[in-house]
Amino acid sequence: MTASDGDVFQALADPGRREILLMISQKKRSINSIAENFDISRPAVSKHIKILQGAGFINIEEKGRERYCVLNDAGFKEVQQWISTFEQHWITQFKNLENFLATKNDL
């Protein structure tokens, strides 16, 4: 995997981390505002954010004493590249099915 510190799929495996990504997909958010949405400690939320950052899904912007999470496309590109491998397989399979059905209709 090319993500800097972590496996992108391991980072996405946790539902809380997926929820964090959904929240910051709408707008950048401070770590404190993210933590307010969870029933876990702020250090636990920070750990999830560090995992997402290590996998290339988010960047941290510092403004004064606040730290803001923003989406980073590196992790998403890696997921897309992996999925595209299988996408080509299914495109080929459906094309073969289409050809088969076309020859079946000709009979």
PDB file of N, CA and C in Angstrom:
ATOM      1  N   MET A   1       0.840  -1.184   0.000  1.00  0.00           N
ATOM      2  CA  MET A   1       0.000   0.000   0.000  1.00  0.00           C
ATOM      3  C   MET A   1       0.885   1.246   0.000  1.00  0.00           C
ATOM      4  N   THR A   2       0.409   2.289  -0.630  1.00  0.00           N
ATOM      5  CA  THR A   2       1.224   3.487  -0.726  1.00  0.00           C
ATOM      6  C   THR A   2       0.888   4.553   0.299  1.00  0.00           C
ATOM      7  N   ALA A   3      -0.147   4.365   1.094  1.00  0.00           N
ATOM      8  CA  ALA A   3      -0.465   5.357   2.124  1.00  0.00           C
ATOM      9  C   ALA A   3       0.706   5.433   3.088  1.00  0.00           C
ATOM     10  N   SER A   4       0.979   6.626   3.574  1.00  0.00           N
ATOM     11  CA  SER A   4       2.216   6.876   4.302  1.00  0.00           C
ATOM     12  C   SER A   4       2.456   5.949   5.477  1.00  0.00           C
ATOM     13  N   ASP A   5       1.526   5.794   6.387  1.00  0.00           N
ATOM     14  CA  ASP A   5       1.768   4.995   7.581  1.00  0.00           C
ATOM     15  C   ASP A   5       0.854   3.798   7.738  1.00  0.00           C
ATOM     16  N   GLY A   6      -0.242   3.747   7.016  1.00  0.00           N
ATOM     17  CA  GLY A   6      -1.203   2.708   7.313  1.00  0.00           C
ATOM     18  C   GLY A   6      -1.908   2.152   6.108  1.00  0.00           C
ATOM     19  N   ASP A   7      -2.562   1.067   6.365  1.00  0.00           N
ATOM     20  CA  ASP A   7      -3.367   0.387   5.364  1.00  0.00           C
ATOM     21  C   ASP A   7      -4.699   1.116   5.249  1.00  0.00           C
ATOM     22  N   VAL A   8      -5.036   1.579   4.051  1.00  0.00           N
ATOM     23  CA  VAL A   8      -6.271   2.343   3.867  1.00  0.00           C
ATOM     24  C   VAL A   8      -7.498   1.520   4.224  1.00  0.00           C
ATOM     25  N   PHE A   9      -7.465   0.224   3.975  1.00  0.00           N
ATOM     26  CA  PHE A   9      -8.620  -0.610   4.269  1.00  0.00           C
ATOM     27  C   PHE A   9      -8.763  -0.853   5.766  1.00  0.00           C
ATOM     28  N   GLN A  10      -7.663  -0.949   6.452  1.00  0.00           N
ATOM     29  CA  GLN A  10      -7.727  -1.067   7.909  1.00  0.00           C
ATOM     30  C   GLN A  10      -8.280   0.230   8.503  1.00  0.00           C
ATOM     31  N   ALA A  11      -7.879   1.356   7.952  1.00  0.00           N
ATOM     32  CA  ALA A  11      -8.388   2.647   8.423  1.00  0.00           C
ATOM     33  C   ALA A  11      -9.891   2.755   8.205  1.00  0.00           C
ATOM     34  N   LEU A  12     -10.383   2.236   7.091  1.00  0.00           N
ATOM     35  CA  LEU A  12     -11.814   2.301   6.778  1.00  0.00           C
ATOM     36  C   LEU A  12     -12.639   1.238   7.505  1.00  0.00           C
ATOM     37  N   ALA A  13     -11.979   0.260   8.098  1.00  0.00           N
ATOM     38  CA  ALA A  13     -12.697  -0.848   8.739  1.00  0.00           C
ATOM     39  C   ALA A  13     -13.507  -0.398   9.947  1.00  0.00           C
ATOM     40  N   ASP A  14     -13.099   0.667  10.585  1.00  0.00           N
ATOM     41  CA  ASP A  14     -13.785   1.116  11.798  1.00  0.00           C
ATOM     42  C   ASP A  14     -14.947   2.044  11.457  1.00  0.00           C
ATOM     43  N   PRO A  15     -16.150   1.752  11.946  1.00  0.00           N
ATOM     44  CA  PRO A  15     -17.308   2.602  11.627  1.00  0.00           C
ATOM     45  C   PRO A  15     -17.156   4.037  12.130  1.00  0.00           C
ATOM     46  N   GLY A  16     -16.484   4.213  13.257  1.00  0.00           N
ATOM     47  CA  GLY A  16     -16.259   5.566  13.775  1.00  0.00           C
ATOM     48  C   GLY A  16     -15.386   6.397  12.847  1.00  0.00           C
ATOM     49  N   ARG A  17     -14.373   5.770  12.288  1.00  0.00           N
ATOM     50  CA  ARG A  17     -13.503   6.492  11.341  1.00  0.00           C
ATOM     51  C   ARG A  17     -14.259   6.821  10.067  1.00  0.00           C
ATOM     52  N   ARG A  18     -15.113   5.912   9.623  1.00  0.00           N
ATOM     53  CA  ARG A  18     -15.930   6.221   8.444  1.00  0.00           C
ATOM     54  C   ARG A  18     -16.864   7.390   8.745  1.00  0.00           C
ATOM     55  N   GLU A  19     -17.396   7.452   9.942  1.00  0.00           N
ATOM     56  CA  GLU A  19     -18.263   8.558  10.337  1.00  0.00           C
ATOM     57  C   GLU A  19     -17.482   9.881  10.362  1.00  0.00           C
ATOM     58  N   ILE A  20     -16.261   9.839  10.839  1.00  0.00           N
ATOM     59  CA  ILE A  20     -15.420  11.041  10.837  1.00  0.00           C
ATOM     60  C   ILE A  20     -15.217  11.523   9.408  1.00  0.00           C
ATOM     61  N   LEU A  21     -14.933  10.609   8.490  1.00  0.00           N
ATOM     62  CA  LEU A  21     -14.747  11.000   7.092  1.00  0.00           C
ATOM     63  C   LEU A  21     -16.015  11.626   6.519  1.00  0.00           C
ATOM     64  N   LEU A  22     -17.165  11.056   6.851  1.00  0.00           N
ATOM     65  CA  LEU A  22     -18.428  11.634   6.380  1.00  0.00           C
ATOM     66  C   LEU A  22     -18.627  13.045   6.930  1.00  0.00           C
ATOM     67  N   MET A  23     -18.281  13.239   8.194  1.00  0.00           N
ATOM     68  CA  MET A  23     -18.451  14.568   8.794  1.00  0.00           C
ATOM     69  C   MET A  23     -17.561  15.604   8.118  1.00  0.00           C
ATOM     70  N   ILE A  24     -16.309  15.247   7.867  1.00  0.00           N
ATOM     71  CA  ILE A  24     -15.421  16.254   7.275  1.00  0.00           C
ATOM     72  C   ILE A  24     -15.579  16.343   5.758  1.00  0.00           C
ATOM     73  N   SER A  25     -16.368  15.437   5.174  1.00  0.00           N
ATOM     74  CA  SER A  25     -16.641  15.572   3.740  1.00  0.00           C
ATOM     75  C   SER A  25     -17.567  16.762   3.484  1.00  0.00           C
ATOM     76  N   GLN A  26     -18.332  17.151   4.483  1.00  0.00           N
ATOM     77  CA  GLN A  26     -19.236  18.293   4.353  1.00  0.00           C
ATOM     78  C   GLN A  26     -18.506  19.617   4.524  1.00  0.00           C
ATOM     79  N   LYS A  27     -17.575  19.663   5.487  1.00  0.00           N
ATOM     80  CA  LYS A  27     -16.756  20.854   5.720  1.00  0.00           C
ATOM     81  C   LYS A  27     -15.635  20.473   6.667  1.00  0.00           C
ATOM     82  N   LYS A  28     -14.568  21.257   6.649  1.00  0.00           N
ATOM     83  CA  LYS A  28     -13.485  20.962   7.579  1.00  0.00           C
ATOM     84  C   LYS A  28     -13.982  21.214   9.000  1.00  0.00           C
ATOM     85  N   ARG A  29     -13.492  20.399   9.920  1.00  0.00           N
ATOM     86  CA  ARG A  29     -13.951  20.487  11.305  1.00  0.00           C
ATOM     87  C   ARG A  29     -12.773  20.400  12.255  1.00  0.00           C
ATOM     88  N   SER A  30     -12.917  21.063  13.385  1.00  0.00           N
ATOM     89  CA  SER A  30     -11.882  20.967  14.413  1.00  0.00           C
ATOM     90  C   SER A  30     -11.992  19.598  15.080  1.00  0.00           C
ATOM     91  N   ILE A  31     -10.893  19.176  15.652  1.00  0.00           N
ATOM     92  CA  ILE A  31     -10.894  17.887  16.346  1.00  0.00           C
ATOM     93  C   ILE A  31     -11.889  17.926  17.499  1.00  0.00           C
ATOM     94  N   ASN A  32     -11.979  19.056  18.190  1.00  0.00           N
ATOM     95  CA  ASN A  32     -12.944  19.171  19.292  1.00  0.00           C
ATOM     96  C   ASN A  32     -14.376  19.026  18.802  1.00  0.00           C
ATOM     97  N   SER A  33     -14.711  19.633  17.669  1.00  0.00           N
ATOM     98  CA  SER A  33     -16.084  19.523  17.160  1.00  0.00           C
ATOM     99  C   SER A  33     -16.393  18.108  16.694  1.00  0.00           C
ATOM    100  N   ILE A  34     -15.391  17.404  16.210  1.00  0.00           N
ATOM    101  CA  ILE A  34     -15.577  15.998  15.839  1.00  0.00           C
ATOM    102  C   ILE A  34     -15.813  15.172  17.099  1.00  0.00           C
ATOM    103  N   ALA A  35     -15.009  15.409  18.125  1.00  0.00           N
ATOM    104  CA  ALA A  35     -15.106  14.637  19.366  1.00  0.00           C
ATOM    105  C   ALA A  35     -16.460  14.797  20.035  1.00  0.00           C
ATOM    106  N   GLU A  36     -17.101  15.950  19.865  1.00  0.00           N
ATOM    107  CA  GLU A  36     -18.420  16.189  20.472  1.00  0.00           C
ATOM    108  C   GLU A  36     -19.485  15.232  19.950  1.00  0.00           C
ATOM    109  N   ASN A  37     -19.258  14.628  18.797  1.00  0.00           N
ATOM    110  CA  ASN A  37     -20.238  13.737  18.176  1.00  0.00           C
ATOM    111  C   ASN A  37     -20.094  12.279  18.591  1.00  0.00           C
ATOM    112  N   PHE A  38     -19.133  11.987  19.468  1.00  0.00           N
ATOM    113  CA  PHE A  38     -18.868  10.597  19.854  1.00  0.00           C
ATOM    114  C   PHE A  38     -18.922  10.437  21.366  1.00  0.00           C
ATOM    115  N   ASP A  39     -19.291   9.244  21.792  1.00  0.00           N
ATOM    116  CA  ASP A  39     -19.336   8.929  23.219  1.00  0.00           C
ATOM    117  C   ASP A  39     -18.033   8.279  23.678  1.00  0.00           C
ATOM    118  N   ILE A  40     -16.931   8.748  23.128  1.00  0.00           N
ATOM    119  CA  ILE A  40     -15.608   8.274  23.534  1.00  0.00           C
ATOM    120  C   ILE A  40     -14.776   9.499  23.886  1.00  0.00           C
ATOM    121  N   SER A  41     -13.652   9.279  24.519  1.00  0.00           N
ATOM    122  CA  SER A  41     -12.812  10.394  24.960  1.00  0.00           C
ATOM    123  C   SER A  41     -12.195  11.127  23.772  1.00  0.00           C
ATOM    124  N   ARG A  42     -11.806  12.367  24.013  1.00  0.00           N
ATOM    125  CA  ARG A  42     -11.140  13.140  22.963  1.00  0.00           C
ATOM    126  C   ARG A  42      -9.840  12.466  22.534  1.00  0.00           C
ATOM    127  N   PRO A  43      -9.016  11.930  23.481  1.00  0.00           N
ATOM    128  CA  PRO A  43      -7.807  11.217  23.037  1.00  0.00           C
ATOM    129  C   PRO A  43      -8.119  10.025  22.128  1.00  0.00           C
ATOM    130  N   ALA A  44      -9.245   9.343  22.374  1.00  0.00           N
ATOM    131  CA  ALA A  44      -9.613   8.221  21.501  1.00  0.00           C
ATOM    132  C   ALA A  44      -9.976   8.726  20.108  1.00  0.00           C
ATOM    133  N   VAL A  45     -10.690   9.846  20.036  1.00  0.00           N
ATOM    134  CA  VAL A  45     -11.011  10.448  18.736  1.00  0.00           C
ATOM    135  C   VAL A  45      -9.726  10.873  18.044  1.00  0.00           C
ATOM    136  N   SER A  46      -8.806  11.463  18.798  1.00  0.00           N
ATOM    137  CA  SER A  46      -7.519  11.880  18.223  1.00  0.00           C
ATOM    138  C   SER A  46      -6.760  10.695  17.650  1.00  0.00           C
ATOM    139  N   LYS A  47      -6.853   9.545  18.313  1.00  0.00           N
ATOM    140  CA  LYS A  47      -6.189   8.341  17.806  1.00  0.00           C
ATOM    141  C   LYS A  47      -6.800   7.920  16.468  1.00  0.00           C
ATOM    142  N   HIS A  48      -8.123   7.964  16.371  1.00  0.00           N
ATOM    143  CA  HIS A  48      -8.790   7.636  15.101  1.00  0.00           C
ATOM    144  C   HIS A  48      -8.355   8.609  14.001  1.00  0.00           C
ATOM    145  N   ILE A  49      -8.259   9.875  14.342  1.00  0.00           N
ATOM    146  CA  ILE A  49      -7.847  10.891  13.371  1.00  0.00           C
ATOM    147  C   ILE A  49      -6.416  10.644  12.927  1.00  0.00           C
ATOM    148  N   LYS A  50      -5.558  10.258  13.849  1.00  0.00           N
ATOM    149  CA  LYS A  50      -4.160   9.965  13.501  1.00  0.00           C
ATOM    150  C   LYS A  50      -4.081   8.785  12.530  1.00  0.00           C
ATOM    151  N   ILE A  51      -4.928   7.777  12.735  1.00  0.00           N
ATOM    152  CA  ILE A  51      -4.957   6.624  11.823  1.00  0.00           C
ATOM    153  C   ILE A  51      -5.415   7.061  10.432  1.00  0.00           C
ATOM    154  N   LEU A  52      -6.464   7.891  10.380  1.00  0.00           N
ATOM    155  CA  LEU A  52      -6.945   8.394   9.086  1.00  0.00           C
ATOM    156  C   LEU A  52      -5.897   9.255   8.399  1.00  0.00           C
ATOM    157  N   GLN A  53      -5.193  10.036   9.175  1.00  0.00           N
ATOM    158  CA  GLN A  53      -4.131  10.875   8.607  1.00  0.00           C
ATOM    159  C   GLN A  53      -2.990   9.999   8.083  1.00  0.00           C
ATOM    160  N   GLY A  54      -2.613   8.978   8.843  1.00  0.00           N
ATOM    161  CA  GLY A  54      -1.543   8.076   8.416  1.00  0.00           C
ATOM    162  C   GLY A  54      -1.876   7.311   7.154  1.00  0.00           C
ATOM    163  N   ALA A  55      -3.156   7.032   6.954  1.00  0.00           N
ATOM    164  CA  ALA A  55      -3.592   6.306   5.761  1.00  0.00           C
ATOM    165  C   ALA A  55      -3.825   7.231   4.574  1.00  0.00           C
ATOM    166  N   GLY A  56      -3.667   8.537   4.784  1.00  0.00           N
ATOM    167  CA  GLY A  56      -3.780   9.480   3.678  1.00  0.00           C
ATOM    168  C   GLY A  56      -5.177  10.002   3.414  1.00  0.00           C
ATOM    169  N   PHE A  57      -6.107   9.798   4.347  1.00  0.00           N
ATOM    170  CA  PHE A  57      -7.476  10.265   4.136  1.00  0.00           C
ATOM    171  C   PHE A  57      -7.701  11.713   4.564  1.00  0.00           C
ATOM    172  N   ILE A  58      -6.931  12.174   5.528  1.00  0.00           N
ATOM    173  CA  ILE A  58      -7.123  13.547   6.002  1.00  0.00           C
ATOM    174  C   ILE A  58      -5.788  14.245   6.213  1.00  0.00           C
ATOM    175  N   ASN A  59      -5.844  15.553   6.176  1.00  0.00           N
ATOM    176  CA  ASN A  59      -4.736  16.418   6.569  1.00  0.00           C
ATOM    177  C   ASN A  59      -5.186  17.237   7.762  1.00  0.00           C
ATOM    178  N   ILE A  60      -4.237  17.683   8.547  1.00  0.00           N
ATOM    179  CA  ILE A  60      -4.525  18.531   9.695  1.00  0.00           C
ATOM    180  C   ILE A  60      -4.009  19.934   9.387  1.00  0.00           C
ATOM    181  N   GLU A  61      -4.903  20.916   9.526  1.00  0.00           N
ATOM    182  CA  GLU A  61      -4.536  22.324   9.375  1.00  0.00           C
ATOM    183  C   GLU A  61      -4.593  22.969  10.751  1.00  0.00           C
ATOM    184  N   GLU A  62      -3.547  23.687  11.105  1.00  0.00           N
ATOM    185  CA  GLU A  62      -3.530  24.368  12.395  1.00  0.00           C
ATOM    186  C   GLU A  62      -3.846  25.839  12.202  1.00  0.00           C
ATOM    187  N   LYS A  63      -4.811  26.319  12.989  1.00  0.00           N
ATOM    188  CA  LYS A  63      -5.175  27.732  12.995  1.00  0.00           C
ATOM    189  C   LYS A  63      -5.254  28.160  14.450  1.00  0.00           C
ATOM    190  N   GLY A  64      -4.275  28.929  14.871  1.00  0.00           N
ATOM    191  CA  GLY A  64      -4.215  29.300  16.279  1.00  0.00           C
ATOM    192  C   GLY A  64      -4.009  28.052  17.116  1.00  0.00           C
ATOM    193  N   ARG A  65      -4.875  27.882  18.104  1.00  0.00           N
ATOM    194  CA  ARG A  65      -4.762  26.698  18.966  1.00  0.00           C
ATOM    195  C   ARG A  65      -5.646  25.552  18.487  1.00  0.00           C
ATOM    196  N   GLU A  66      -6.416  25.770  17.460  1.00  0.00           N
ATOM    197  CA  GLU A  66      -7.297  24.723  16.928  1.00  0.00           C
ATOM    198  C   GLU A  66      -6.606  23.951  15.815  1.00  0.00           C
ATOM    199  N   ARG A  67      -6.944  22.682  15.740  1.00  0.00           N
ATOM    200  CA  ARG A  67      -6.475  21.820  14.658  1.00  0.00           C
ATOM    201  C   ARG A  67      -7.707  21.368  13.888  1.00  0.00           C
ATOM    202  N   TYR A  68      -7.689  21.564  12.562  1.00  0.00           N
ATOM    203  CA  TYR A  68      -8.828  21.242  11.708  1.00  0.00           C
ATOM    204  C   TYR A  68      -8.494  20.066  10.803  1.00  0.00           C
ATOM    205  N   CYS A  69      -9.463  19.197  10.636  1.00  0.00           N
ATOM    206  CA  CYS A  69      -9.324  18.046   9.745  1.00  0.00           C
ATOM    207  C   CYS A  69      -9.962  18.388   8.406  1.00  0.00           C
ATOM    208  N   VAL A  70      -9.232  18.125   7.329  1.00  0.00           N
ATOM    209  CA  VAL A  70      -9.738  18.315   5.968  1.00  0.00           C
ATOM    210  C   VAL A  70      -9.439  17.047   5.176  1.00  0.00           C
ATOM    211  N   LEU A  71     -10.293  16.758   4.218  1.00  0.00           N
ATOM    212  CA  LEU A  71     -10.084  15.564   3.397  1.00  0.00           C
ATOM    213  C   LEU A  71      -8.832  15.695   2.545  1.00  0.00           C
ATOM    214  N   ASN A  72      -8.171  14.567   2.366  1.00  0.00           N
ATOM    215  CA  ASN A  72      -7.005  14.445   1.502  1.00  0.00           C
ATOM    216  C   ASN A  72      -7.316  13.307   0.536  1.00  0.00           C
ATOM    217  N   ASP A  73      -7.026  13.485  -0.726  1.00  0.00           N
ATOM    218  CA  ASP A  73      -7.436  12.468  -1.700  1.00  0.00           C
ATOM    219  C   ASP A  73      -6.492  11.272  -1.822  1.00  0.00           C
ATOM    220  N   ALA A  74      -5.347  11.281  -1.166  1.00  0.00           N
ATOM    221  CA  ALA A  74      -4.376  10.194  -1.338  1.00  0.00           C
ATOM    222  C   ALA A  74      -4.955   8.828  -0.962  1.00  0.00           C
ATOM    223  N   GLY A  75      -5.577   8.726   0.193  1.00  0.00           N
ATOM    224  CA  GLY A  75      -6.156   7.450   0.613  1.00  0.00           C
ATOM    225  C   GLY A  75      -7.281   7.001  -0.300  1.00  0.00           C
ATOM    226  N   PHE A  76      -8.086   7.967  -0.726  1.00  0.00           N
ATOM    227  CA  PHE A  76      -9.212   7.638  -1.605  1.00  0.00           C
ATOM    228  C   PHE A  76      -8.719   7.169  -2.967  1.00  0.00           C
ATOM    229  N   LYS A  77      -7.630   7.747  -3.455  1.00  0.00           N
ATOM    230  CA  LYS A  77      -7.069   7.310  -4.738  1.00  0.00           C
ATOM    231  C   LYS A  77      -6.600   5.864  -4.658  1.00  0.00           C
ATOM    232  N   GLU A  78      -6.006   5.512  -3.535  1.00  0.00           N
ATOM    233  CA  GLU A  78      -5.523   4.143  -3.380  1.00  0.00           C
ATOM    234  C   GLU A  78      -6.684   3.155  -3.379  1.00  0.00           C
ATOM    235  N   VAL A  79      -7.766   3.489  -2.700  1.00  0.00           N
ATOM    236  CA  VAL A  79      -8.961   2.638  -2.693  1.00  0.00           C
ATOM    237  C   VAL A  79      -9.523   2.524  -4.104  1.00  0.00           C
ATOM    238  N   GLN A  80      -9.612   3.646  -4.796  1.00  0.00           N
ATOM    239  CA  GLN A  80     -10.148   3.647  -6.158  1.00  0.00           C
ATOM    240  C   GLN A  80      -9.293   2.795  -7.093  1.00  0.00           C
ATOM    241  N   GLN A  81      -7.980   2.867  -6.957  1.00  0.00           N
ATOM    242  CA  GLN A  81      -7.098   2.050  -7.801  1.00  0.00           C
ATOM    243  C   GLN A  81      -7.344   0.567  -7.553  1.00  0.00           C
ATOM    244  N   TRP A  82      -7.511   0.194  -6.306  1.00  0.00           N
ATOM    245  CA  TRP A  82      -7.749  -1.203  -5.966  1.00  0.00           C
ATOM    246  C   TRP A  82      -9.084  -1.664  -6.526  1.00  0.00           C
ATOM    247  N   ILE A  83     -10.114  -0.844  -6.364  1.00  0.00           N
ATOM    248  CA  ILE A  83     -11.447  -1.193  -6.869  1.00  0.00           C
ATOM    249  C   ILE A  83     -11.450  -1.274  -8.389  1.00  0.00           C
ATOM    250  N   SER A  84     -10.704  -0.403  -9.051  1.00  0.00           N
ATOM    251  CA  SER A  84     -10.710  -0.387 -10.514  1.00  0.00           C
ATOM    252  C   SER A  84     -10.194  -1.699 -11.099  1.00  0.00           C
ATOM    253  N   THR A  85      -9.349  -2.396 -10.375  1.00  0.00           N
ATOM    254  CA  THR A  85      -8.885  -3.712 -10.825  1.00  0.00           C
ATOM    255  C   THR A  85     -10.068  -4.652 -11.012  1.00  0.00           C
ATOM    256  N   PHE A  86     -10.967  -4.641 -10.076  1.00  0.00           N
ATOM    257  CA  PHE A  86     -12.134  -5.511 -10.133  1.00  0.00           C
ATOM    258  C   PHE A  86     -13.209  -4.948 -11.056  1.00  0.00           C
ATOM    259  N   GLU A  87     -13.249  -3.641 -11.178  1.00  0.00           N
ATOM    260  CA  GLU A  87     -14.202  -3.008 -12.082  1.00  0.00           C
ATOM    261  C   GLU A  87     -13.981  -3.499 -13.512  1.00  0.00           C
ATOM    262  N   GLN A  88     -12.735  -3.559 -13.937  1.00  0.00           N
ATOM    263  CA  GLN A  88     -12.429  -4.029 -15.290  1.00  0.00           C
ATOM    264  C   GLN A  88     -12.861  -5.482 -15.455  1.00  0.00           C
ATOM    265  N   HIS A  89     -12.666  -6.280 -14.435  1.00  0.00           N
ATOM    266  CA  HIS A  89     -13.112  -7.679 -14.482  1.00  0.00           C
ATOM    267  C   HIS A  89     -14.615  -7.757 -14.736  1.00  0.00           C
ATOM    268  N   TRP A  90     -15.400  -6.970 -13.998  1.00  0.00           N
ATOM    269  CA  TRP A  90     -16.854  -7.025 -14.135  1.00  0.00           C
ATOM    270  C   TRP A  90     -17.325  -6.423 -15.448  1.00  0.00           C
ATOM    271  N   ILE A  91     -16.652  -5.418 -15.937  1.00  0.00           N
ATOM    272  CA  ILE A  91     -16.998  -4.870 -17.254  1.00  0.00           C
ATOM    273  C   ILE A  91     -16.832  -5.950 -18.314  1.00  0.00           C
ATOM    274  N   THR A  92     -15.738  -6.687 -18.228  1.00  0.00           N
ATOM    275  CA  THR A  92     -15.487  -7.770 -19.181  1.00  0.00           C
ATOM    276  C   THR A  92     -16.550  -8.858 -19.052  1.00  0.00           C
ATOM    277  N   GLN A  93     -16.902  -9.216 -17.829  1.00  0.00           N
ATOM    278  CA  GLN A  93     -17.914 -10.253 -17.618  1.00  0.00           C
ATOM    279  C   GLN A  93     -19.268  -9.838 -18.198  1.00  0.00           C
ATOM    280  N   PHE A  94     -19.668  -8.590 -17.966  1.00  0.00           N
ATOM    281  CA  PHE A  94     -20.954  -8.125 -18.498  1.00  0.00           C
ATOM    282  C   PHE A  94     -20.932  -8.009 -20.019  1.00  0.00           C
ATOM    283  N   LYS A  95     -19.795  -7.648 -20.574  1.00  0.00           N
ATOM    284  CA  LYS A  95     -19.667  -7.587 -22.032  1.00  0.00           C
ATOM    285  C   LYS A  95     -19.807  -8.995 -22.622  1.00  0.00           C
ATOM    286  N   ASN A  96     -19.178  -9.975 -21.970  1.00  0.00           N
ATOM    287  CA  ASN A  96     -19.311 -11.367 -22.418  1.00  0.00           C
ATOM    288  C   ASN A  96     -20.761 -11.835 -22.335  1.00  0.00           C
ATOM    289  N   LEU A  97     -21.443 -11.481 -21.266  1.00  0.00           N
ATOM    290  CA  LEU A  97     -22.857 -11.841 -21.116  1.00  0.00           C
ATOM    291  C   LEU A  97     -23.690 -11.175 -22.207  1.00  0.00           C
ATOM    292  N   GLU A  98     -23.423  -9.912 -22.466  1.00  0.00           N
ATOM    293  CA  GLU A  98     -24.138  -9.194 -23.517  1.00  0.00           C
ATOM    294  C   GLU A  98     -23.939  -9.881 -24.872  1.00  0.00           C
ATOM    295  N   ASN A  99     -22.710 -10.249 -25.182  1.00  0.00           N
ATOM    296  CA  ASN A  99     -22.422 -10.944 -26.441  1.00  0.00           C
ATOM    297  C   ASN A  99     -23.124 -12.293 -26.502  1.00  0.00           C
ATOM    298  N   PHE A 100     -23.115 -13.021 -25.394  1.00  0.00           N
ATOM    299  CA  PHE A 100     -23.782 -14.317 -25.340  1.00  0.00           C
ATOM    300  C   PHE A 100     -25.283 -14.162 -25.589  1.00  0.00           C
ATOM    301  N   LEU A 101     -25.892 -13.198 -24.925  1.00  0.00           N
ATOM    302  CA  LEU A 101     -27.329 -12.997 -25.079  1.00  0.00           C
ATOM    303  C   LEU A 101     -27.676 -12.532 -26.496  1.00  0.00           C
ATOM    304  N   ALA A 102     -26.802 -11.766 -27.103  1.00  0.00           N
ATOM    305  CA  ALA A 102     -27.042 -11.316 -28.477  1.00  0.00           C
ATOM    306  C   ALA A 102     -27.012 -12.499 -29.432  1.00  0.00           C
ATOM    307  N   THR A 103     -26.077 -13.416 -29.234  1.00  0.00           N
ATOM    308  CA  THR A 103     -26.016 -14.596 -30.111  1.00  0.00           C
ATOM    309  C   THR A 103     -27.189 -15.537 -29.821  1.00  0.00           C
ATOM    310  N   LYS A 104     -27.643 -15.589 -28.606  1.00  0.00           N
ATOM    311  CA  LYS A 104     -28.798 -16.418 -28.221  1.00  0.00           C
ATOM    312  C   LYS A 104     -30.058 -15.908 -28.919  1.00  0.00           C
ATOM    313  N   ASN A 105     -30.204 -14.591 -29.000  1.00  0.00           N
ATOM    314  CA  ASN A 105     -31.383 -13.990 -29.646  1.00  0.00           C
ATOM    315  C   ASN A 105     -31.358 -14.200 -31.154  1.00  0.00           C
ATOM    316  N   ASP A 106     -30.172 -14.362 -31.714  1.00  0.00           N
ATOM    317  CA  ASP A 106     -30.054 -14.577 -33.157  1.00  0.00           C
ATOM    318  C   ASP A 106     -30.500 -15.972 -33.574  1.00  0.00           C
ATOM    319  N   LEU A 107     -30.534 -16.885 -32.614  1.00  0.00           N
ATOM    320  CA  LEU A 107     -30.890 -18.285 -32.959  1.00  0.00           C
ATOM    321  C   LEU A 107     -32.331 -18.418 -33.153  1.00  0.00           C
TER     322      LEU A 107
END
